[in-house]
Amino acid sequence: MTSDLEARLRAASLHVTRPRLAVLAALRDHAHVDTDTVISLVRAEHPTVSHQAVYDVLRALTVAGLVRRIEPAGATARYEARVGDNHHHLVCRSCGAIADVDCTPGHAPCLTASDDHDFVIDEAEVVYWGVCPDCAAKPSRR
C-alpha cells in the first residue's frame, strides 16, 4: 500500500517523505479526523515527527489536491483522503460524527446554481445536519 501512496505523491509532483506517507496513511485509514488526531496517529508510528511537520504536510497535501479539508460550521476542521468525486457530508449535531454522502448519480443537481453569476462551477459543498443513529438511540433523545 505504501507504493500506492508514493505514487500519489509523485503524481502530484511532491517529494516522497516519511511524514507525507504517514499522514496519507493515517487519512486513508481514518476519515474525517482533526489535526490533533492526525498528529496522534502519525506519532504513534513515527514518534520523532513534529507537530509542525504534520501541519506543514496537511497544508501541502491539501494544496496538491491529495487531501480535502472540510470545515462544518461551528466544528473543528477535519481532513479526508477522499478527493475528486464531489461527495457531501452528514454531520451529527450531538456528537460531531461525520459520514460521506455520494452526490446523486447522473446529472449533479448540486452543480446547477439558480444563478451562477458566470462562474464555471466544478464543485459544490453540501453539508447535511442531523442526529446520527447512535445519538438518536440514547434515552435522552427520545
N, C-alpha and C. Protein backbone atom coordinates (compact mmCIF):
# COMPACT_ATOMS: atom_id res chain seq x y z
N MET A 1 0.81 -1.21 0.00
CA MET A 1 0.00 0.00 0.00
C MET A 1 0.85 1.26 0.00
N THR A 2 2.04 1.18 0.59
CA THR A 2 2.91 2.34 0.62
C THR A 2 3.27 2.76 -0.79
N SER A 3 3.46 1.81 -1.70
CA SER A 3 3.81 2.17 -3.07
C SER A 3 2.69 2.97 -3.72
N ASP A 4 1.43 2.68 -3.38
CA ASP A 4 0.31 3.45 -3.89
C ASP A 4 0.38 4.89 -3.38
N LEU A 5 0.70 5.05 -2.11
CA LEU A 5 0.82 6.39 -1.53
C LEU A 5 2.00 7.13 -2.15
N GLU A 6 3.09 6.43 -2.35
CA GLU A 6 4.26 7.03 -3.01
C GLU A 6 3.89 7.50 -4.42
N ALA A 7 3.16 6.68 -5.14
CA ALA A 7 2.75 7.03 -6.50
C ALA A 7 1.85 8.26 -6.50
N ARG A 8 0.96 8.35 -5.51
CA ARG A 8 0.08 9.53 -5.42
C ARG A 8 0.88 10.80 -5.18
N LEU A 9 1.89 10.71 -4.30
CA LEU A 9 2.74 11.87 -4.04
C LEU A 9 3.50 12.27 -5.30
N ARG A 10 4.09 11.30 -5.97
CA ARG A 10 4.85 11.59 -7.18
C ARG A 10 3.96 12.18 -8.28
N ALA A 11 2.76 11.64 -8.42
CA ALA A 11 1.82 12.15 -9.43
C ALA A 11 1.45 13.60 -9.16
N ALA A 12 1.49 14.01 -7.91
CA ALA A 12 1.20 15.39 -7.53
C ALA A 12 2.46 16.25 -7.50
N SER A 13 3.58 15.69 -7.99
CA SER A 13 4.88 16.38 -8.03
C SER A 13 5.38 16.75 -6.64
N LEU A 14 5.12 15.88 -5.67
CA LEU A 14 5.60 16.08 -4.31
C LEU A 14 6.68 15.04 -4.01
N HIS A 15 7.68 15.45 -3.26
CA HIS A 15 8.72 14.51 -2.82
C HIS A 15 8.09 13.49 -1.87
N VAL A 16 8.56 12.28 -1.96
CA VAL A 16 8.11 11.23 -1.05
C VAL A 16 8.93 11.34 0.23
N THR A 17 8.23 11.65 1.33
CA THR A 17 8.91 11.75 2.63
C THR A 17 8.15 10.90 3.64
N ARG A 18 8.83 10.54 4.69
CA ARG A 18 8.21 9.73 5.74
C ARG A 18 7.00 10.43 6.35
N PRO A 19 7.07 11.73 6.69
CA PRO A 19 5.88 12.39 7.25
C PRO A 19 4.71 12.43 6.26
N ARG A 20 4.98 12.66 4.98
CA ARG A 20 3.89 12.70 4.00
C ARG A 20 3.24 11.33 3.88
N LEU A 21 4.04 10.29 3.82
CA LEU A 21 3.49 8.93 3.74
C LEU A 21 2.67 8.61 4.99
N ALA A 22 3.17 9.02 6.15
CA ALA A 22 2.47 8.73 7.41
C ALA A 22 1.13 9.45 7.49
N VAL A 23 1.09 10.70 7.05
CA VAL A 23 -0.16 11.46 7.08
C VAL A 23 -1.16 10.87 6.08
N LEU A 24 -0.71 10.56 4.87
CA LEU A 24 -1.61 9.95 3.89
C LEU A 24 -2.16 8.61 4.39
N ALA A 25 -1.29 7.81 5.00
CA ALA A 25 -1.75 6.51 5.53
C ALA A 25 -2.77 6.71 6.64
N ALA A 26 -2.54 7.68 7.52
CA ALA A 26 -3.48 7.96 8.61
C ALA A 26 -4.84 8.38 8.06
N LEU A 27 -4.83 9.23 7.03
CA LEU A 27 -6.09 9.70 6.46
C LEU A 27 -6.77 8.63 5.61
N ARG A 28 -5.99 7.75 5.02
CA ARG A 28 -6.57 6.63 4.27
C ARG A 28 -7.35 5.72 5.23
N ASP A 29 -6.81 5.54 6.43
CA ASP A 29 -7.40 4.61 7.40
C ASP A 29 -8.40 5.25 8.35
N HIS A 30 -8.41 6.59 8.43
CA HIS A 30 -9.28 7.30 9.38
C HIS A 30 -9.84 8.55 8.71
N ALA A 31 -11.05 8.48 8.21
CA ALA A 31 -11.66 9.62 7.53
C ALA A 31 -12.19 10.64 8.53
N HIS A 32 -12.21 11.88 8.11
CA HIS A 32 -12.83 12.98 8.85
C HIS A 32 -12.19 13.22 10.22
N VAL A 33 -10.88 13.20 10.28
CA VAL A 33 -10.18 13.42 11.55
C VAL A 33 -9.61 14.83 11.62
N ASP A 34 -9.53 15.35 12.84
CA ASP A 34 -8.97 16.68 13.04
C ASP A 34 -7.45 16.61 13.11
N THR A 35 -6.82 17.75 13.14
CA THR A 35 -5.36 17.83 13.13
C THR A 35 -4.74 17.11 14.32
N ASP A 36 -5.30 17.28 15.50
CA ASP A 36 -4.74 16.61 16.68
C ASP A 36 -4.78 15.09 16.54
N THR A 37 -5.84 14.58 15.95
CA THR A 37 -5.94 13.13 15.74
C THR A 37 -4.90 12.67 14.72
N VAL A 38 -4.73 13.44 13.66
CA VAL A 38 -3.70 13.10 12.66
C VAL A 38 -2.33 13.06 13.32
N ILE A 39 -2.04 14.06 14.14
CA ILE A 39 -0.75 14.10 14.84
C ILE A 39 -0.59 12.86 15.70
N SER A 40 -1.61 12.49 16.45
CA SER A 40 -1.53 11.31 17.32
C SER A 40 -1.32 10.04 16.51
N LEU A 41 -2.04 9.89 15.40
CA LEU A 41 -1.90 8.70 14.56
C LEU A 41 -0.50 8.62 13.96
N VAL A 42 0.01 9.73 13.48
CA VAL A 42 1.35 9.75 12.88
C VAL A 42 2.41 9.47 13.93
N ARG A 43 2.29 10.10 15.08
CA ARG A 43 3.32 9.95 16.12
C ARG A 43 3.28 8.58 16.78
N ALA A 44 2.15 7.88 16.67
CA ALA A 44 2.09 6.50 17.19
C ALA A 44 3.03 5.60 16.41
N GLU A 45 3.18 5.88 15.13
CA GLU A 45 4.07 5.08 14.26
C GLU A 45 5.45 5.71 14.13
N HIS A 46 5.51 7.03 14.18
CA HIS A 46 6.76 7.78 13.97
C HIS A 46 6.88 8.86 15.05
N PRO A 47 7.34 8.49 16.24
CA PRO A 47 7.34 9.43 17.37
C PRO A 47 8.20 10.69 17.17
N THR A 48 9.13 10.66 16.24
CA THR A 48 10.01 11.83 16.06
C THR A 48 9.43 12.87 15.10
N VAL A 49 8.29 12.58 14.46
CA VAL A 49 7.68 13.56 13.56
C VAL A 49 7.06 14.67 14.41
N SER A 50 7.43 15.90 14.12
CA SER A 50 6.96 17.03 14.93
C SER A 50 5.54 17.43 14.57
N HIS A 51 4.92 18.16 15.51
CA HIS A 51 3.59 18.70 15.25
C HIS A 51 3.63 19.61 14.02
N GLN A 52 4.66 20.46 13.96
CA GLN A 52 4.76 21.40 12.83
C GLN A 52 4.90 20.67 11.51
N ALA A 53 5.61 19.56 11.50
CA ALA A 53 5.75 18.78 10.26
C ALA A 53 4.39 18.28 9.80
N VAL A 54 3.56 17.82 10.72
CA VAL A 54 2.22 17.33 10.35
C VAL A 54 1.38 18.49 9.82
N TYR A 55 1.43 19.64 10.47
CA TYR A 55 0.70 20.81 9.97
C TYR A 55 1.15 21.16 8.54
N ASP A 56 2.47 21.18 8.34
CA ASP A 56 3.01 21.51 7.02
C ASP A 56 2.59 20.48 5.97
N VAL A 57 2.62 19.21 6.34
CA VAL A 57 2.23 18.15 5.40
C VAL A 57 0.75 18.27 5.06
N LEU A 58 -0.10 18.48 6.05
CA LEU A 58 -1.54 18.63 5.78
C LEU A 58 -1.79 19.78 4.81
N ARG A 59 -1.09 20.89 5.01
CA ARG A 59 -1.25 22.03 4.11
C ARG A 59 -0.78 21.69 2.70
N ALA A 60 0.38 21.06 2.57
CA ALA A 60 0.92 20.70 1.25
C ALA A 60 0.02 19.70 0.54
N LEU A 61 -0.48 18.71 1.26
CA LEU A 61 -1.34 17.70 0.65
C LEU A 61 -2.68 18.29 0.23
N THR A 62 -3.18 19.24 1.01
CA THR A 62 -4.44 19.90 0.66
C THR A 62 -4.26 20.75 -0.59
N VAL A 63 -3.19 21.52 -0.63
CA VAL A 63 -2.92 22.37 -1.80
C VAL A 63 -2.74 21.51 -3.05
N ALA A 64 -2.09 20.35 -2.90
CA ALA A 64 -1.84 19.46 -4.03
C ALA A 64 -3.08 18.69 -4.46
N GLY A 65 -4.15 18.77 -3.67
CA GLY A 65 -5.39 18.08 -4.00
C GLY A 65 -5.42 16.61 -3.61
N LEU A 66 -4.48 16.18 -2.77
CA LEU A 66 -4.46 14.79 -2.31
C LEU A 66 -5.30 14.59 -1.06
N VAL A 67 -5.61 15.68 -0.40
CA VAL A 67 -6.38 15.66 0.84
C VAL A 67 -7.41 16.77 0.76
N ARG A 68 -8.55 16.53 1.35
CA ARG A 68 -9.60 17.55 1.40
C ARG A 68 -9.79 17.99 2.84
N ARG A 69 -9.85 19.29 3.03
CA ARG A 69 -10.12 19.87 4.35
C ARG A 69 -11.58 20.29 4.35
N ILE A 70 -12.33 19.80 5.32
CA ILE A 70 -13.73 20.19 5.44
C ILE A 70 -13.90 20.94 6.76
N GLU A 71 -14.74 21.95 6.75
CA GLU A 71 -14.95 22.78 7.93
C GLU A 71 -16.44 23.01 8.15
N PRO A 72 -17.13 22.02 8.73
CA PRO A 72 -18.55 22.25 9.03
C PRO A 72 -18.69 23.41 10.01
N ALA A 73 -19.70 24.23 9.82
CA ALA A 73 -19.92 25.40 10.66
C ALA A 73 -19.88 25.03 12.14
N GLY A 74 -19.09 25.77 12.90
CA GLY A 74 -19.01 25.55 14.34
C GLY A 74 -18.21 24.34 14.76
N ALA A 75 -17.57 23.66 13.81
CA ALA A 75 -16.80 22.45 14.13
C ALA A 75 -15.33 22.66 13.77
N THR A 76 -14.49 21.85 14.36
CA THR A 76 -13.07 21.87 14.05
C THR A 76 -12.86 21.35 12.64
N ALA A 77 -11.88 21.91 11.94
CA ALA A 77 -11.57 21.44 10.59
C ALA A 77 -11.19 19.96 10.65
N ARG A 78 -11.63 19.24 9.65
CA ARG A 78 -11.34 17.82 9.53
C ARG A 78 -10.69 17.57 8.18
N TYR A 79 -10.00 16.44 8.08
CA TYR A 79 -9.31 16.07 6.84
C TYR A 79 -9.75 14.69 6.39
N GLU A 80 -9.75 14.50 5.06
CA GLU A 80 -10.06 13.20 4.50
C GLU A 80 -9.24 13.00 3.23
N ALA A 81 -8.99 11.74 2.91
CA ALA A 81 -8.23 11.41 1.71
C ALA A 81 -9.14 11.19 0.50
N ARG A 82 -10.44 11.18 0.69
CA ARG A 82 -11.37 11.01 -0.43
C ARG A 82 -11.52 12.35 -1.14
N VAL A 83 -10.98 12.44 -2.34
CA VAL A 83 -11.00 13.69 -3.09
C VAL A 83 -11.45 13.44 -4.53
N GLY A 84 -11.87 14.51 -5.19
CA GLY A 84 -12.14 14.47 -6.61
C GLY A 84 -13.47 13.88 -7.04
N ASP A 85 -14.36 13.60 -6.11
CA ASP A 85 -15.63 12.99 -6.53
C ASP A 85 -16.86 13.80 -6.12
N ASN A 86 -16.67 15.01 -5.63
CA ASN A 86 -17.77 15.90 -5.27
C ASN A 86 -18.80 15.25 -4.36
N HIS A 87 -18.32 14.53 -3.34
CA HIS A 87 -19.26 13.97 -2.36
C HIS A 87 -19.56 15.00 -1.29
N HIS A 88 -20.58 14.72 -0.50
CA HIS A 88 -21.04 15.63 0.53
C HIS A 88 -20.91 14.97 1.90
N HIS A 89 -21.39 15.64 2.94
CA HIS A 89 -21.22 15.13 4.30
C HIS A 89 -22.49 15.26 5.13
N LEU A 90 -22.68 14.29 6.03
CA LEU A 90 -23.68 14.34 7.08
C LEU A 90 -22.92 14.64 8.37
N VAL A 91 -23.44 15.56 9.18
CA VAL A 91 -22.78 15.89 10.45
C VAL A 91 -23.80 15.75 11.57
N CYS A 92 -23.42 15.02 12.61
CA CYS A 92 -24.29 14.85 13.78
C CYS A 92 -24.19 16.09 14.67
N ARG A 93 -25.33 16.69 14.95
CA ARG A 93 -25.36 17.87 15.82
C ARG A 93 -24.98 17.53 17.27
N SER A 94 -25.14 16.28 17.64
CA SER A 94 -24.90 15.89 19.02
C SER A 94 -23.44 15.53 19.28
N CYS A 95 -22.90 14.56 18.54
CA CYS A 95 -21.54 14.07 18.82
C CYS A 95 -20.50 14.55 17.81
N GLY A 96 -20.94 15.14 16.71
CA GLY A 96 -19.99 15.64 15.71
C GLY A 96 -19.52 14.61 14.70
N ALA A 97 -20.07 13.39 14.74
CA ALA A 97 -19.69 12.36 13.77
C ALA A 97 -19.98 12.86 12.36
N ILE A 98 -19.12 12.47 11.43
CA ILE A 98 -19.28 12.87 10.03
C ILE A 98 -19.30 11.63 9.16
N ALA A 99 -20.22 11.60 8.20
CA ALA A 99 -20.31 10.50 7.25
C ALA A 99 -20.37 11.06 5.84
N ASP A 100 -19.81 10.32 4.89
CA ASP A 100 -19.85 10.73 3.49
C ASP A 100 -21.21 10.43 2.88
N VAL A 101 -21.62 11.29 1.96
CA VAL A 101 -22.84 11.09 1.19
C VAL A 101 -22.46 11.32 -0.27
N ASP A 102 -22.68 10.31 -1.10
CA ASP A 102 -22.37 10.45 -2.52
C ASP A 102 -23.35 11.42 -3.17
N CYS A 103 -22.86 12.15 -4.16
CA CYS A 103 -23.71 13.04 -4.94
C CYS A 103 -24.67 12.17 -5.74
N THR A 104 -25.82 12.70 -6.07
CA THR A 104 -26.81 11.97 -6.84
C THR A 104 -26.19 11.49 -8.15
N PRO A 105 -26.35 10.20 -8.48
CA PRO A 105 -25.78 9.69 -9.73
C PRO A 105 -26.38 10.39 -10.95
N GLY A 106 -25.62 10.39 -12.02
CA GLY A 106 -26.08 11.05 -13.24
C GLY A 106 -25.81 12.54 -13.15
N HIS A 107 -26.74 13.34 -13.64
CA HIS A 107 -26.60 14.79 -13.58
C HIS A 107 -26.49 15.24 -12.12
N ALA A 108 -25.53 16.05 -11.81
CA ALA A 108 -25.32 16.50 -10.43
C ALA A 108 -26.10 17.80 -10.21
N PRO A 109 -27.32 17.72 -9.66
CA PRO A 109 -28.12 18.93 -9.49
C PRO A 109 -27.44 19.95 -8.56
N CYS A 110 -26.57 19.46 -7.68
CA CYS A 110 -25.90 20.39 -6.76
C CYS A 110 -24.93 21.31 -7.50
N LEU A 111 -24.57 20.97 -8.74
CA LEU A 111 -23.66 21.82 -9.52
C LEU A 111 -24.40 22.79 -10.43
N THR A 112 -25.71 22.81 -10.33
CA THR A 112 -26.51 23.73 -11.14
C THR A 112 -27.09 24.79 -10.21
N ALA A 113 -26.42 25.92 -10.16
CA ALA A 113 -26.87 27.01 -9.30
C ALA A 113 -28.02 27.76 -9.96
N SER A 114 -28.92 28.33 -9.16
CA SER A 114 -30.03 29.08 -9.72
C SER A 114 -29.52 30.31 -10.48
N ASP A 115 -28.39 30.87 -10.04
CA ASP A 115 -27.72 31.97 -10.75
C ASP A 115 -26.23 31.78 -10.54
N ASP A 116 -25.52 31.38 -11.58
CA ASP A 116 -24.09 31.07 -11.43
C ASP A 116 -23.20 32.31 -11.56
N HIS A 117 -23.79 33.48 -11.84
CA HIS A 117 -23.03 34.73 -11.95
C HIS A 117 -21.83 34.58 -12.88
N ASP A 118 -21.99 33.76 -13.92
CA ASP A 118 -20.97 33.48 -14.93
C ASP A 118 -19.75 32.74 -14.37
N PHE A 119 -19.89 32.13 -13.20
CA PHE A 119 -18.83 31.27 -12.68
C PHE A 119 -18.87 29.95 -13.42
N VAL A 120 -17.72 29.29 -13.54
CA VAL A 120 -17.68 27.92 -14.04
C VAL A 120 -17.60 27.04 -12.80
N ILE A 121 -18.71 26.42 -12.45
CA ILE A 121 -18.82 25.66 -11.21
C ILE A 121 -18.29 24.24 -11.42
N ASP A 122 -17.36 23.82 -10.56
CA ASP A 122 -16.81 22.47 -10.67
C ASP A 122 -16.94 21.67 -9.39
N GLU A 123 -17.45 22.30 -8.34
CA GLU A 123 -17.62 21.59 -7.07
C GLU A 123 -18.68 22.30 -6.25
N ALA A 124 -19.41 21.52 -5.48
CA ALA A 124 -20.38 22.07 -4.53
C ALA A 124 -20.13 21.41 -3.19
N GLU A 125 -20.27 22.17 -2.14
CA GLU A 125 -20.09 21.62 -0.80
C GLU A 125 -21.42 21.66 -0.08
N VAL A 126 -21.99 20.50 0.13
CA VAL A 126 -23.28 20.38 0.79
C VAL A 126 -23.04 19.68 2.13
N VAL A 127 -23.58 20.25 3.18
CA VAL A 127 -23.48 19.62 4.50
C VAL A 127 -24.90 19.41 5.02
N TYR A 128 -25.20 18.16 5.31
CA TYR A 128 -26.49 17.80 5.89
C TYR A 128 -26.29 17.71 7.40
N TRP A 129 -27.15 18.34 8.16
CA TRP A 129 -27.07 18.32 9.62
C TRP A 129 -28.21 17.48 10.18
N GLY A 130 -27.93 16.75 11.24
CA GLY A 130 -28.95 15.95 11.89
C GLY A 130 -28.37 15.25 13.09
N VAL A 131 -28.95 14.13 13.46
CA VAL A 131 -28.50 13.35 14.60
C VAL A 131 -28.21 11.94 14.11
N CYS A 132 -27.02 11.43 14.44
CA CYS A 132 -26.62 10.09 14.00
C CYS A 132 -27.45 9.02 14.72
N PRO A 133 -27.46 7.80 14.21
CA PRO A 133 -28.27 6.74 14.83
C PRO A 133 -27.89 6.47 16.29
N ASP A 134 -26.59 6.51 16.61
CA ASP A 134 -26.17 6.26 18.00
C ASP A 134 -26.73 7.31 18.95
N CYS A 135 -26.64 8.58 18.55
CA CYS A 135 -27.16 9.64 19.42
C CYS A 135 -28.69 9.63 19.47
N ALA A 136 -29.33 9.30 18.36
CA ALA A 136 -30.79 9.24 18.33
C ALA A 136 -31.31 8.12 19.23
N ALA A 137 -30.52 7.07 19.42
CA ALA A 137 -30.96 5.94 20.24
C ALA A 137 -30.77 6.16 21.72
N LYS A 138 -30.05 7.20 22.10
CA LYS A 138 -29.82 7.47 23.53
C LYS A 138 -31.13 7.87 24.19
N PRO A 139 -31.38 7.40 25.40
CA PRO A 139 -32.64 7.70 26.08
C PRO A 139 -32.96 9.19 26.19
N SER A 140 -31.95 10.04 26.32
CA SER A 140 -32.20 11.49 26.47
C SER A 140 -32.74 12.10 25.19
N ARG A 141 -32.62 11.42 24.04
CA ARG A 141 -33.08 11.94 22.76
C ARG A 141 -34.54 11.62 22.49
N ARG A 142 -35.13 10.73 23.26
CA ARG A 142 -36.50 10.28 22.96
C ARG A 142 -37.52 11.20 23.54
